[in-house]
Amino acid sequence: MWTSLITLIALVLLTAAGAAVAVALTTTDRQRAHRAMNLLKILLGALLGSGGVLAAVIRLHEAGLL
């Protein structure tokens, strides 16, 4: 159950990050591009930071190491 939940959260975050990249690259409005870049920074922090740590902890727990 945990694996499917983590996968779903990761897919939602990746989809949101992809949308932010598309907006940042294709828009002609500088303010909108700036907001999209700020959102992208937040999403990448969430994807690479806590999500990776949580996934590693769950994998270690499943392996019996924690």
N, C-alpha and C. Protein backbone atom coordinates (compact mmCIF):
# COMPACT_ATOMS: atom_id res chain seq x y z
N MET A 1 0.81 -1.18 0.00
CA MET A 1 0.00 0.00 0.00
C MET A 1 0.86 1.27 0.00
N TRP A 2 1.94 1.23 0.78
CA TRP A 2 2.79 2.41 0.84
C TRP A 2 3.44 2.71 -0.51
N THR A 3 3.81 1.66 -1.22
CA THR A 3 4.47 1.86 -2.51
C THR A 3 3.54 2.55 -3.49
N SER A 4 2.30 2.14 -3.55
CA SER A 4 1.36 2.76 -4.49
C SER A 4 1.06 4.21 -4.09
N LEU A 5 0.99 4.48 -2.79
CA LEU A 5 0.75 5.85 -2.33
C LEU A 5 1.92 6.76 -2.66
N ILE A 6 3.13 6.29 -2.43
CA ILE A 6 4.32 7.09 -2.75
C ILE A 6 4.42 7.30 -4.25
N THR A 7 4.11 6.27 -5.03
CA THR A 7 4.14 6.40 -6.48
C THR A 7 3.13 7.42 -6.97
N LEU A 8 1.93 7.40 -6.41
CA LEU A 8 0.90 8.37 -6.79
C LEU A 8 1.33 9.79 -6.45
N ILE A 9 1.88 10.00 -5.28
CA ILE A 9 2.34 11.33 -4.88
C ILE A 9 3.46 11.80 -5.81
N ALA A 10 4.39 10.90 -6.13
CA ALA A 10 5.49 11.25 -7.02
C ALA A 10 4.98 11.61 -8.41
N LEU A 11 3.99 10.88 -8.91
CA LEU A 11 3.44 11.19 -10.22
C LEU A 11 2.73 12.54 -10.24
N VAL A 12 2.01 12.85 -9.18
CA VAL A 12 1.34 14.15 -9.10
C VAL A 12 2.38 15.28 -9.07
N LEU A 13 3.43 15.11 -8.27
CA LEU A 13 4.47 16.13 -8.20
C LEU A 13 5.21 16.27 -9.53
N LEU A 14 5.48 15.16 -10.20
CA LEU A 14 6.15 15.22 -11.50
C LEU A 14 5.27 15.89 -12.55
N THR A 15 3.98 15.61 -12.52
CA THR A 15 3.06 16.26 -13.45
C THR A 15 3.00 17.76 -13.22
N ALA A 16 2.93 18.15 -11.96
CA ALA A 16 2.92 19.58 -11.63
C ALA A 16 4.23 20.24 -12.04
N ALA A 17 5.35 19.56 -11.84
CA ALA A 17 6.64 20.12 -12.24
C ALA A 17 6.72 20.25 -13.76
N GLY A 18 6.21 19.27 -14.48
CA GLY A 18 6.19 19.35 -15.95
C GLY A 18 5.34 20.51 -16.44
N ALA A 19 4.20 20.73 -15.79
CA ALA A 19 3.35 21.86 -16.17
C ALA A 19 4.04 23.18 -15.88
N ALA A 20 4.74 23.27 -14.76
CA ALA A 20 5.47 24.50 -14.42
C ALA A 20 6.59 24.78 -15.42
N VAL A 21 7.26 23.74 -15.85
CA VAL A 21 8.32 23.91 -16.86
C VAL A 21 7.72 24.39 -18.18
N ALA A 22 6.61 23.78 -18.57
CA ALA A 22 5.98 24.18 -19.83
C ALA A 22 5.54 25.64 -19.78
N VAL A 23 4.96 26.06 -18.68
CA VAL A 23 4.52 27.46 -18.55
C VAL A 23 5.73 28.39 -18.55
N ALA A 24 6.77 28.03 -17.80
CA ALA A 24 7.94 28.89 -17.71
C ALA A 24 8.63 29.06 -19.06
N LEU A 25 8.61 28.02 -19.89
CA LEU A 25 9.31 28.09 -21.17
C LEU A 25 8.48 28.70 -22.29
N THR A 26 7.16 28.60 -22.21
CA THR A 26 6.35 29.01 -23.34
C THR A 26 5.64 30.34 -23.16
N THR A 27 5.54 30.84 -21.95
CA THR A 27 4.79 32.07 -21.74
C THR A 27 5.62 33.30 -22.14
N THR A 28 4.92 34.33 -22.57
CA THR A 28 5.60 35.59 -22.91
C THR A 28 5.51 36.60 -21.78
N ASP A 29 4.68 36.32 -20.78
CA ASP A 29 4.52 37.19 -19.62
C ASP A 29 5.62 36.87 -18.61
N ARG A 30 6.50 37.85 -18.35
CA ARG A 30 7.64 37.61 -17.47
C ARG A 30 7.22 37.30 -16.03
N GLN A 31 6.17 37.94 -15.55
CA GLN A 31 5.72 37.70 -14.18
C GLN A 31 5.18 36.27 -14.04
N ARG A 32 4.45 35.82 -15.03
CA ARG A 32 3.92 34.45 -14.99
C ARG A 32 5.06 33.44 -15.06
N ALA A 33 6.06 33.72 -15.87
CA ALA A 33 7.22 32.83 -15.96
C ALA A 33 7.97 32.79 -14.63
N HIS A 34 8.07 33.94 -13.97
CA HIS A 34 8.75 34.00 -12.67
C HIS A 34 7.99 33.19 -11.63
N ARG A 35 6.67 33.29 -11.61
CA ARG A 35 5.86 32.50 -10.68
C ARG A 35 5.99 31.01 -10.97
N ALA A 36 6.05 30.66 -12.25
CA ALA A 36 6.20 29.25 -12.62
C ALA A 36 7.57 28.72 -12.17
N MET A 37 8.60 29.55 -12.28
CA MET A 37 9.93 29.12 -11.81
C MET A 37 9.96 28.96 -10.30
N ASN A 38 9.29 29.85 -9.57
CA ASN A 38 9.22 29.69 -8.12
C ASN A 38 8.49 28.41 -7.74
N LEU A 39 7.41 28.12 -8.42
CA LEU A 39 6.68 26.88 -8.17
C LEU A 39 7.55 25.67 -8.51
N LEU A 40 8.30 25.75 -9.58
CA LEU A 40 9.17 24.65 -9.97
C LEU A 40 10.24 24.40 -8.91
N LYS A 41 10.80 25.46 -8.34
CA LYS A 41 11.80 25.30 -7.29
C LYS A 41 11.19 24.60 -6.07
N ILE A 42 9.98 24.97 -5.72
CA ILE A 42 9.32 24.34 -4.57
C ILE A 42 9.04 22.87 -4.86
N LEU A 43 8.55 22.59 -6.07
CA LEU A 43 8.22 21.21 -6.42
C LEU A 43 9.47 20.33 -6.49
N LEU A 44 10.55 20.86 -7.04
CA LEU A 44 11.78 20.08 -7.11
C LEU A 44 12.34 19.83 -5.72
N GLY A 45 12.19 20.80 -4.83
CA GLY A 45 12.61 20.58 -3.45
C GLY A 45 11.80 19.47 -2.80
N ALA A 46 10.51 19.45 -3.08
CA ALA A 46 9.65 18.40 -2.52
C ALA A 46 9.99 17.03 -3.13
N LEU A 47 10.26 17.01 -4.42
CA LEU A 47 10.57 15.75 -5.09
C LEU A 47 11.92 15.18 -4.66
N LEU A 48 12.91 16.03 -4.61
CA LEU A 48 14.26 15.56 -4.34
C LEU A 48 14.60 15.50 -2.86
N GLY A 49 13.87 16.24 -2.07
CA GLY A 49 14.18 16.31 -0.65
C GLY A 49 13.45 15.26 0.16
N SER A 50 12.32 15.63 0.70
CA SER A 50 11.61 14.77 1.65
C SER A 50 11.07 13.50 0.99
N GLY A 51 10.65 13.58 -0.25
CA GLY A 51 10.12 12.38 -0.91
C GLY A 51 11.16 11.29 -1.05
N GLY A 52 12.37 11.67 -1.40
CA GLY A 52 13.45 10.70 -1.52
C GLY A 52 13.82 10.09 -0.19
N VAL A 53 13.83 10.92 0.85
CA VAL A 53 14.15 10.42 2.18
C VAL A 53 13.07 9.47 2.67
N LEU A 54 11.81 9.85 2.47
CA LEU A 54 10.70 8.99 2.90
C LEU A 54 10.73 7.65 2.16
N ALA A 55 10.97 7.69 0.87
CA ALA A 55 11.04 6.44 0.10
C ALA A 55 12.19 5.57 0.57
N ALA A 56 13.32 6.18 0.87
CA ALA A 56 14.47 5.41 1.34
C ALA A 56 14.18 4.78 2.70
N VAL A 57 13.53 5.52 3.60
CA VAL A 57 13.19 4.98 4.92
C VAL A 57 12.24 3.80 4.78
N ILE A 58 11.24 3.93 3.92
CA ILE A 58 10.29 2.82 3.75
C ILE A 58 10.98 1.60 3.16
N ARG A 59 11.86 1.82 2.18
CA ARG A 59 12.58 0.67 1.59
C ARG A 59 13.48 0.00 2.63
N LEU A 60 14.16 0.80 3.46
CA LEU A 60 15.00 0.22 4.51
C LEU A 60 14.15 -0.55 5.52
N HIS A 61 12.98 -0.02 5.84
CA HIS A 61 12.08 -0.71 6.77
C HIS A 61 11.60 -2.03 6.17
N GLU A 62 11.25 -2.01 4.90
CA GLU A 62 10.81 -3.24 4.23
C GLU A 62 11.93 -4.28 4.17
N ALA A 63 13.16 -3.80 4.05
CA ALA A 63 14.28 -4.72 3.99
C ALA A 63 14.68 -5.23 5.38
N GLY A 64 14.08 -4.66 6.43
CA GLY A 64 14.36 -5.11 7.78
C GLY A 64 15.57 -4.44 8.39
N LEU A 65 16.04 -3.38 7.81
CA LEU A 65 17.23 -2.70 8.32
C LEU A 65 16.89 -1.61 9.33
N LEU A 66 15.64 -1.22 9.41
CA LEU A 66 15.23 -0.22 10.39
C LEU A 66 14.21 -0.82 11.34
